[in-house]
């Protein structure tokens, strides 16, 4: 669903809210708001890029799928984020090479591709914002590739459990083994085997779509040992 927008959404992007040059202001008045429900495909491989989306609220998962059907999650976008794949697609005038799906009800401001290019060429402030965003997102992507290529999967799984378990009061993670496998770029079978081993050691308790951290000290000890190559 699209509808006209004011400028209140810019509070989510403080750096852009401060810009007052004519080229950027012209772009702002060309935008519409988009609201989509959970589970909506925002873009998929081969789609042309029609808009630059400024995410205001909600969460969007961006991932790639290999020929063997395995997925790897590239990023989770939230309010105030821009998708680096959209930016590179726009700047290259190419088609998307990844998939994005909303994880929650989502609202975004949409800047048409032609108006993006016009603002990017004419507004130094907008250009600086876009280049800074791309540099940070590319750094995050390179870090992900480094993890997948060089770090042991067991250590990455332990770090994932500790990081996500800290976000809940009961130190539990509401995810399937397949979802975790997609996050870490591996197979469900590998994740299930490692989690069952951790359960035997008393580190976690497994139930349907739920992993409870029962001994975080032991998980931290495992992580330390793996990092030291023991």
C-alpha atoms as a PDB file:
ATOM      1  CA  UNK A   1       0.000   0.000   0.000  1.00  0.00           C
ATOM      2  CA  UNK A   2       1.372   3.397  -1.028  1.00  0.00           C
ATOM      3  CA  UNK A   3       0.352   6.828   0.192  1.00  0.00           C
ATOM      4  CA  UNK A   4       1.781  10.320   0.244  1.00  0.00           C
ATOM      5  CA  UNK A   5       4.260  11.187   2.937  1.00  0.00           C
ATOM      6  CA  UNK A   6       5.273  14.247   4.913  1.00  0.00           C
ATOM      7  CA  UNK A   7       8.706  14.580   6.476  1.00  0.00           C
ATOM      8  CA  UNK A   8       8.151  13.085   9.943  1.00  0.00           C
ATOM      9  CA  UNK A   9       9.811   9.840   8.838  1.00  0.00           C
ATOM     10  CA  UNK A  10      13.134  11.699   8.496  1.00  0.00           C
ATOM     11  CA  UNK A  11      13.525  11.542  12.279  1.00  0.00           C
ATOM     12  CA  UNK A  12      14.600   7.937  11.692  1.00  0.00           C
ATOM     13  CA  UNK A  13      17.492   9.280   9.569  1.00  0.00           C
ATOM     14  CA  UNK A  14      18.982  12.210  11.553  1.00  0.00           C
ATOM     15  CA  UNK A  15      21.761  12.834   9.012  1.00  0.00           C
ATOM     16  CA  UNK A  16      19.200  13.309   6.235  1.00  0.00           C
ATOM     17  CA  UNK A  17      16.846  15.358   8.413  1.00  0.00           C
ATOM     18  CA  UNK A  18      19.554  18.028   8.629  1.00  0.00           C
ATOM     19  CA  UNK A  19      19.993  18.354   4.855  1.00  0.00           C
ATOM     20  CA  UNK A  20      18.335  21.437   3.404  1.00  0.00           C
ATOM     21  CA  UNK A  21      19.830  21.783  -0.083  1.00  0.00           C
ATOM     22  CA  UNK A  22      17.314  22.160  -2.961  1.00  0.00           C
ATOM     23  CA  UNK A  23      18.174  18.855  -4.695  1.00  0.00           C
ATOM     24  CA  UNK A  24      17.521  16.795  -1.553  1.00  0.00           C
ATOM     25  CA  UNK A  25      14.369  18.723  -0.650  1.00  0.00           C
ATOM     26  CA  UNK A  26      13.055  18.100  -4.155  1.00  0.00           C
ATOM     27  CA  UNK A  27      13.707  14.367  -3.709  1.00  0.00           C
ATOM     28  CA  UNK A  28      11.916  14.286  -0.350  1.00  0.00           C
ATOM     29  CA  UNK A  29       8.751  15.676  -1.932  1.00  0.00           C
ATOM     30  CA  UNK A  30       8.821  12.939  -4.601  1.00  0.00           C
ATOM     31  CA  UNK A  31       8.547  10.153  -2.008  1.00  0.00           C
ATOM     32  CA  UNK A  32       5.638   7.943  -1.020  1.00  0.00           C
ATOM     33  CA  UNK A  33       5.229   5.750   2.040  1.00  0.00           C
ATOM     34  CA  UNK A  34       4.867   2.003   1.633  1.00  0.00           C
ATOM     35  CA  UNK A  35       3.350  -0.336   4.229  1.00  0.00           C
ATOM     36  CA  UNK A  36       3.597  -4.103   3.797  1.00  0.00           C
ATOM     37  CA  UNK A  37       2.659  -7.046   6.052  1.00  0.00           C
ATOM     38  CA  UNK A  38       4.913  -9.738   7.463  1.00  0.00           C
ATOM     39  CA  UNK A  39       6.188 -12.256   4.916  1.00  0.00           C
ATOM     40  CA  UNK A  40       6.115  -9.925   1.908  1.00  0.00           C
ATOM     41  CA  UNK A  41       8.840 -10.402  -0.701  1.00  0.00           C
ATOM     42  CA  UNK A  42      10.316  -6.927  -1.198  1.00  0.00           C
ATOM     43  CA  UNK A  43      12.618  -8.018  -4.007  1.00  0.00           C
ATOM     44  CA  UNK A  44      14.060 -11.228  -5.444  1.00  0.00           C
ATOM     45  CA  UNK A  45      16.944 -12.097  -7.837  1.00  0.00           C
ATOM     46  CA  UNK A  46      16.337 -10.729 -11.319  1.00  0.00           C
ATOM     47  CA  UNK A  47      13.969  -7.965 -10.216  1.00  0.00           C
ATOM     48  CA  UNK A  48      14.786  -4.454 -11.444  1.00  0.00           C
ATOM     49  CA  UNK A  49      15.224  -1.831  -8.733  1.00  0.00           C
ATOM     50  CA  UNK A  50      12.414   0.713  -8.914  1.00  0.00           C
ATOM     51  CA  UNK A  51      12.927   2.535  -5.607  1.00  0.00           C
ATOM     52  CA  UNK A  52      15.405   3.244  -2.852  1.00  0.00           C
ATOM     53  CA  UNK A  53      13.648   2.245   0.383  1.00  0.00           C
ATOM     54  CA  UNK A  54      14.257   4.141   3.609  1.00  0.00           C
ATOM     55  CA  UNK A  55      13.138   1.703   6.299  1.00  0.00           C
ATOM     56  CA  UNK A  56      11.142   3.519   8.996  1.00  0.00           C
ATOM     57  CA  UNK A  57       9.960   0.614  11.114  1.00  0.00           C
ATOM     58  CA  UNK A  58       9.887  -3.169  10.960  1.00  0.00           C
ATOM     59  CA  UNK A  59      12.492  -5.786  10.105  1.00  0.00           C
ATOM     60  CA  UNK A  60      13.571  -7.090   6.711  1.00  0.00           C
ATOM     61  CA  UNK A  61      15.722 -10.183   6.140  1.00  0.00           C
ATOM     62  CA  UNK A  62      18.073 -10.101   3.143  1.00  0.00           C
ATOM     63  CA  UNK A  63      19.508 -13.422   1.974  1.00  0.00           C
ATOM     64  CA  UNK A  64      20.938 -15.336  -0.967  1.00  0.00           C
ATOM     65  CA  UNK A  65      20.052 -18.890  -2.042  1.00  0.00           C
ATOM     66  CA  UNK A  66      22.587 -21.197  -3.653  1.00  0.00           C
ATOM     67  CA  UNK A  67      21.943 -23.647  -6.490  1.00  0.00           C
ATOM     68  CA  UNK A  68      21.720 -26.404  -3.861  1.00  0.00           C
ATOM     69  CA  UNK A  69      18.880 -24.591  -2.101  1.00  0.00           C
ATOM     70  CA  UNK A  70      20.918 -23.515   0.920  1.00  0.00           C
ATOM     71  CA  UNK A  71      20.388 -19.995   2.207  1.00  0.00           C
ATOM     72  CA  UNK A  72      22.755 -17.554   3.860  1.00  0.00           C
ATOM     73  CA  UNK A  73      21.406 -14.491   5.623  1.00  0.00           C
ATOM     74  CA  UNK A  74      23.291 -11.372   4.566  1.00  0.00           C
ATOM     75  CA  UNK A  75      21.631  -8.829   6.853  1.00  0.00           C
ATOM     76  CA  UNK A  76      18.649  -7.970   9.008  1.00  0.00           C
ATOM     77  CA  UNK A  77      17.459  -4.416   8.295  1.00  0.00           C
ATOM     78  CA  UNK A  78      15.575  -2.280  10.798  1.00  0.00           C
ATOM     79  CA  UNK A  79      14.354   1.310  11.035  1.00  0.00           C
ATOM     80  CA  UNK A  80      17.094   3.736  10.012  1.00  0.00           C
ATOM     81  CA  UNK A  81      18.895   1.212   7.767  1.00  0.00           C
ATOM     82  CA  UNK A  82      19.457   1.187   4.032  1.00  0.00           C
ATOM     83  CA  UNK A  83      20.020  -1.995   2.032  1.00  0.00           C
ATOM     84  CA  UNK A  84      23.480  -2.064   0.439  1.00  0.00           C
ATOM     85  CA  UNK A  85      22.206  -4.389  -2.299  1.00  0.00           C
ATOM     86  CA  UNK A  86      19.594  -1.836  -3.297  1.00  0.00           C
ATOM     87  CA  UNK A  87      22.212   0.908  -3.355  1.00  0.00           C
ATOM     88  CA  UNK A  88      24.640  -1.045  -5.531  1.00  0.00           C
ATOM     89  CA  UNK A  89      21.804  -2.175  -7.813  1.00  0.00           C
ATOM     90  CA  UNK A  90      20.714   1.440  -8.320  1.00  0.00           C
ATOM     91  CA  UNK A  91      24.226   2.758  -8.894  1.00  0.00           C
ATOM     92  CA  UNK A  92      25.013  -0.008 -11.397  1.00  0.00           C
ATOM     93  CA  UNK A  93      21.572   0.084 -13.062  1.00  0.00           C
ATOM     94  CA  UNK A  94      21.485  -3.678 -12.557  1.00  0.00           C
ATOM     95  CA  UNK A  95      18.979  -6.243 -11.300  1.00  0.00           C
ATOM     96  CA  UNK A  96      18.834  -7.608  -7.775  1.00  0.00           C
ATOM     97  CA  UNK A  97      20.991 -10.640  -6.896  1.00  0.00           C
ATOM     98  CA  UNK A  98      19.480 -11.284  -3.439  1.00  0.00           C
ATOM     99  CA  UNK A  99      16.054 -11.730  -1.827  1.00  0.00           C
ATOM    100  CA  UNK A 100      14.455  -9.546   0.855  1.00  0.00           C
ATOM    101  CA  UNK A 101      11.417 -10.563   2.925  1.00  0.00           C
ATOM    102  CA  UNK A 102       9.700  -8.611   5.684  1.00  0.00           C
ATOM    103  CA  UNK A 103       9.928 -10.307   9.105  1.00  0.00           C
ATOM    104  CA  UNK A 104       7.406  -7.937  10.723  1.00  0.00           C
ATOM    105  CA  UNK A 105       4.866  -5.369   9.478  1.00  0.00           C
ATOM    106  CA  UNK A 106       7.066  -2.802   7.763  1.00  0.00           C
ATOM    107  CA  UNK A 107       6.874   0.836   6.734  1.00  0.00           C
ATOM    108  CA  UNK A 108       9.322   2.489   4.334  1.00  0.00           C
ATOM    109  CA  UNK A 109       9.685   5.743   2.402  1.00  0.00           C
ATOM    110  CA  UNK A 110      10.200   5.114  -1.321  1.00  0.00           C
ATOM    111  CA  UNK A 111      12.387   7.292  -3.532  1.00  0.00           C
ATOM    112  CA  UNK A 112      11.953   6.416  -7.268  1.00  0.00           C
ATOM    113  CA  UNK A 113      15.165   5.308  -8.984  1.00  0.00           C
ATOM    114  CA  UNK A 114      15.301   8.283 -11.376  1.00  0.00           C
ATOM    115  CA  UNK A 115      14.855  10.755  -8.508  1.00  0.00           C
ATOM    116  CA  UNK A 116      17.532   8.941  -6.489  1.00  0.00           C
ATOM    117  CA  UNK A 117      20.054   9.359  -9.295  1.00  0.00           C
ATOM    118  CA  UNK A 118      19.151  13.034  -9.697  1.00  0.00           C
ATOM    119  CA  UNK A 119      19.535  13.724  -5.957  1.00  0.00           C
ATOM    120  CA  UNK A 120      22.751  11.689  -5.745  1.00  0.00           C
ATOM    121  CA  UNK A 121      24.282  13.707  -8.588  1.00  0.00           C
ATOM    122  CA  UNK A 122      23.202  17.127  -7.290  1.00  0.00           C
ATOM    123  CA  UNK A 123      23.225  16.928  -3.480  1.00  0.00           C
ATOM    124  CA  UNK A 124      26.661  16.684  -1.863  1.00  0.00           C
ATOM    125  CA  UNK A 125      25.128  15.952   1.538  1.00  0.00           C
ATOM    126  CA  UNK A 126      22.999  13.090   0.182  1.00  0.00           C
ATOM    127  CA  UNK A 127      25.978  11.754  -1.731  1.00  0.00           C
ATOM    128  CA  UNK A 128      28.109  11.724   1.440  1.00  0.00           C
ATOM    129  CA  UNK A 129      25.331   9.926   3.329  1.00  0.00           C
ATOM    130  CA  UNK A 130      24.985   7.229   0.652  1.00  0.00           C
ATOM    131  CA  UNK A 131      28.747   6.618   0.366  1.00  0.00           C
ATOM    132  CA  UNK A 132      29.150   6.464   4.141  1.00  0.00           C
ATOM    133  CA  UNK A 133      26.275   3.991   4.404  1.00  0.00           C
ATOM    134  CA  UNK A 134      27.728   1.810   1.644  1.00  0.00           C
ATOM    135  CA  UNK A 135      31.149   1.778   3.300  1.00  0.00           C
ATOM    136  CA  UNK A 136      29.677   0.615   6.613  1.00  0.00           C
ATOM    137  CA  UNK A 137      27.423  -2.004   5.047  1.00  0.00           C
ATOM    138  CA  UNK A 138      30.251  -3.371   2.896  1.00  0.00           C
ATOM    139  CA  UNK A 139      32.406  -3.636   6.030  1.00  0.00           C
ATOM    140  CA  UNK A 140      29.632  -5.672   7.678  1.00  0.00           C
ATOM    141  CA  UNK A 141      29.341  -7.909   4.620  1.00  0.00           C
ATOM    142  CA  UNK A 142      33.105  -8.526   4.472  1.00  0.00           C
ATOM    143  CA  UNK A 143      33.060  -9.407   8.170  1.00  0.00           C
ATOM    144  CA  UNK A 144      30.314 -11.952   7.471  1.00  0.00           C
ATOM    145  CA  UNK A 145      32.324 -13.472   4.621  1.00  0.00           C
ATOM    146  CA  UNK A 146      35.379 -13.666   6.859  1.00  0.00           C
ATOM    147  CA  UNK A 147      33.367 -15.510   9.503  1.00  0.00           C
ATOM    148  CA  UNK A 148      31.985 -18.007   6.999  1.00  0.00           C
ATOM    149  CA  UNK A 149      35.353 -18.624   5.339  1.00  0.00           C
ATOM    150  CA  UNK A 150      37.750 -18.731   8.278  1.00  0.00           C
ATOM    151  CA  UNK A 151      36.024 -19.284  11.630  1.00  0.00           C
ATOM    152  CA  UNK A 152      35.025 -22.722  12.873  1.00  0.00           C
ATOM    153  CA  UNK A 153      31.307 -23.377  12.637  1.00  0.00           C
ATOM    154  CA  UNK A 154      31.044 -24.558  16.258  1.00  0.00           C
ATOM    155  CA  UNK A 155      32.537 -21.292  17.505  1.00  0.00           C
ATOM    156  CA  UNK A 156      30.189 -19.271  15.328  1.00  0.00           C
ATOM    157  CA  UNK A 157      27.224 -21.263  16.657  1.00  0.00           C
ATOM    158  CA  UNK A 158      28.275 -20.725  20.288  1.00  0.00           C
ATOM    159  CA  UNK A 159      28.694 -16.977  19.662  1.00  0.00           C
ATOM    160  CA  UNK A 160      25.281 -16.886  17.979  1.00  0.00           C
ATOM    161  CA  UNK A 161      23.635 -18.615  20.943  1.00  0.00           C
ATOM    162  CA  UNK A 162      25.272 -16.350  23.508  1.00  0.00           C
ATOM    163  CA  UNK A 163      24.475 -13.198  21.541  1.00  0.00           C
ATOM    164  CA  UNK A 164      20.827 -14.030  20.883  1.00  0.00           C
ATOM    165  CA  UNK A 165      20.211 -15.690  24.240  1.00  0.00           C
ATOM    166  CA  UNK A 166      21.154 -12.463  25.994  1.00  0.00           C
ATOM    167  CA  UNK A 167      18.219 -10.656  24.383  1.00  0.00           C
ATOM    168  CA  UNK A 168      15.546 -12.603  26.276  1.00  0.00           C
ATOM    169  CA  UNK A 169      14.730 -12.673  29.973  1.00  0.00           C
ATOM    170  CA  UNK A 170      14.614 -16.488  30.041  1.00  0.00           C
ATOM    171  CA  UNK A 171      17.844 -16.828  28.013  1.00  0.00           C
ATOM    172  CA  UNK A 172      16.043 -18.730  25.274  1.00  0.00           C
ATOM    173  CA  UNK A 173      16.065 -18.434  21.481  1.00  0.00           C
ATOM    174  CA  UNK A 174      12.822 -18.912  19.561  1.00  0.00           C
ATOM    175  CA  UNK A 175      14.204 -20.224  16.263  1.00  0.00           C
ATOM    176  CA  UNK A 176      14.254 -23.456  14.287  1.00  0.00           C
ATOM    177  CA  UNK A 177      17.479 -25.280  13.491  1.00  0.00           C
ATOM    178  CA  UNK A 178      16.929 -24.392   9.819  1.00  0.00           C
ATOM    179  CA  UNK A 179      16.666 -20.687  10.631  1.00  0.00           C
ATOM    180  CA  UNK A 180      19.935 -20.802  12.559  1.00  0.00           C
ATOM    181  CA  UNK A 181      21.567 -22.721   9.697  1.00  0.00           C
ATOM    182  CA  UNK A 182      20.493 -19.982   7.260  1.00  0.00           C
ATOM    183  CA  UNK A 183      21.915 -17.324   9.571  1.00  0.00           C
ATOM    184  CA  UNK A 184      25.257 -19.120   9.700  1.00  0.00           C
ATOM    185  CA  UNK A 185      25.409 -20.260   6.089  1.00  0.00           C
ATOM    186  CA  UNK A 186      25.415 -24.010   6.722  1.00  0.00           C
ATOM    187  CA  UNK A 187      23.034 -26.994   6.760  1.00  0.00           C
ATOM    188  CA  UNK A 188      20.304 -27.839   9.243  1.00  0.00           C
ATOM    189  CA  UNK A 189      21.899 -31.243   9.819  1.00  0.00           C
ATOM    190  CA  UNK A 190      25.177 -29.671  10.956  1.00  0.00           C
ATOM    191  CA  UNK A 191      23.400 -27.310  13.341  1.00  0.00           C
ATOM    192  CA  UNK A 192      21.191 -30.063  14.772  1.00  0.00           C
ATOM    193  CA  UNK A 193      24.186 -32.323  15.377  1.00  0.00           C
ATOM    194  CA  UNK A 194      26.109 -29.591  17.215  1.00  0.00           C
ATOM    195  CA  UNK A 195      23.102 -28.531  19.279  1.00  0.00           C
ATOM    196  CA  UNK A 196      22.413 -32.118  20.329  1.00  0.00           C
ATOM    197  CA  UNK A 197      26.039 -32.446  21.416  1.00  0.00           C
ATOM    198  CA  UNK A 198      25.688 -29.232  23.450  1.00  0.00           C
ATOM    199  CA  UNK A 199      22.499 -30.606  25.001  1.00  0.00           C
ATOM    200  CA  UNK A 200      24.322 -33.799  26.053  1.00  0.00           C
ATOM    201  CA  UNK A 201      26.944 -31.607  27.736  1.00  0.00           C
ATOM    202  CA  UNK A 202      24.251 -29.695  29.610  1.00  0.00           C
ATOM    203  CA  UNK A 203      24.778 -26.359  27.824  1.00  0.00           C
ATOM    204  CA  UNK A 204      21.331 -26.112  26.244  1.00  0.00           C
ATOM    205  CA  UNK A 205      17.880 -27.665  26.369  1.00  0.00           C
ATOM    206  CA  UNK A 206      16.196 -28.259  23.017  1.00  0.00           C
ATOM    207  CA  UNK A 207      12.479 -28.226  22.320  1.00  0.00           C
ATOM    208  CA  UNK A 208      10.340 -27.416  19.283  1.00  0.00           C
ATOM    209  CA  UNK A 209      11.463 -24.085  17.765  1.00  0.00           C
ATOM    210  CA  UNK A 210      13.164 -23.189  21.060  1.00  0.00           C
ATOM    211  CA  UNK A 211      16.691 -23.406  22.469  1.00  0.00           C
ATOM    212  CA  UNK A 212      17.127 -22.659  26.162  1.00  0.00           C
ATOM    213  CA  UNK A 213      20.621 -21.753  27.370  1.00  0.00           C
ATOM    214  CA  UNK A 214      21.062 -23.778  30.570  1.00  0.00           C
ATOM    215  CA  UNK A 215      24.788 -23.255  31.200  1.00  0.00           C
ATOM    216  CA  UNK A 216      26.178 -20.085  29.641  1.00  0.00           C
ATOM    217  CA  UNK A 217      29.459 -20.393  31.559  1.00  0.00           C
ATOM    218  CA  UNK A 218      30.179 -23.681  29.842  1.00  0.00           C
ATOM    219  CA  UNK A 219      29.250 -22.157  26.471  1.00  0.00           C
ATOM    220  CA  UNK A 220      31.644 -19.280  27.117  1.00  0.00           C
ATOM    221  CA  UNK A 221      34.345 -21.788  28.100  1.00  0.00           C
ATOM    222  CA  UNK A 222      33.774 -23.700  24.851  1.00  0.00           C
ATOM    223  CA  UNK A 223      34.058 -20.456  22.899  1.00  0.00           C
ATOM    224  CA  UNK A 224      37.312 -19.535  24.660  1.00  0.00           C
ATOM    225  CA  UNK A 225      38.785 -22.962  23.947  1.00  0.00           C
ATOM    226  CA  UNK A 226      37.807 -22.852  20.298  1.00  0.00           C
ATOM    227  CA  UNK A 227      39.217 -19.336  19.879  1.00  0.00           C
ATOM    228  CA  UNK A 228      42.496 -20.536  21.390  1.00  0.00           C
ATOM    229  CA  UNK A 229      42.547 -23.541  19.055  1.00  0.00           C
ATOM    230  CA  UNK A 230      42.345 -26.033  21.915  1.00  0.00           C
END
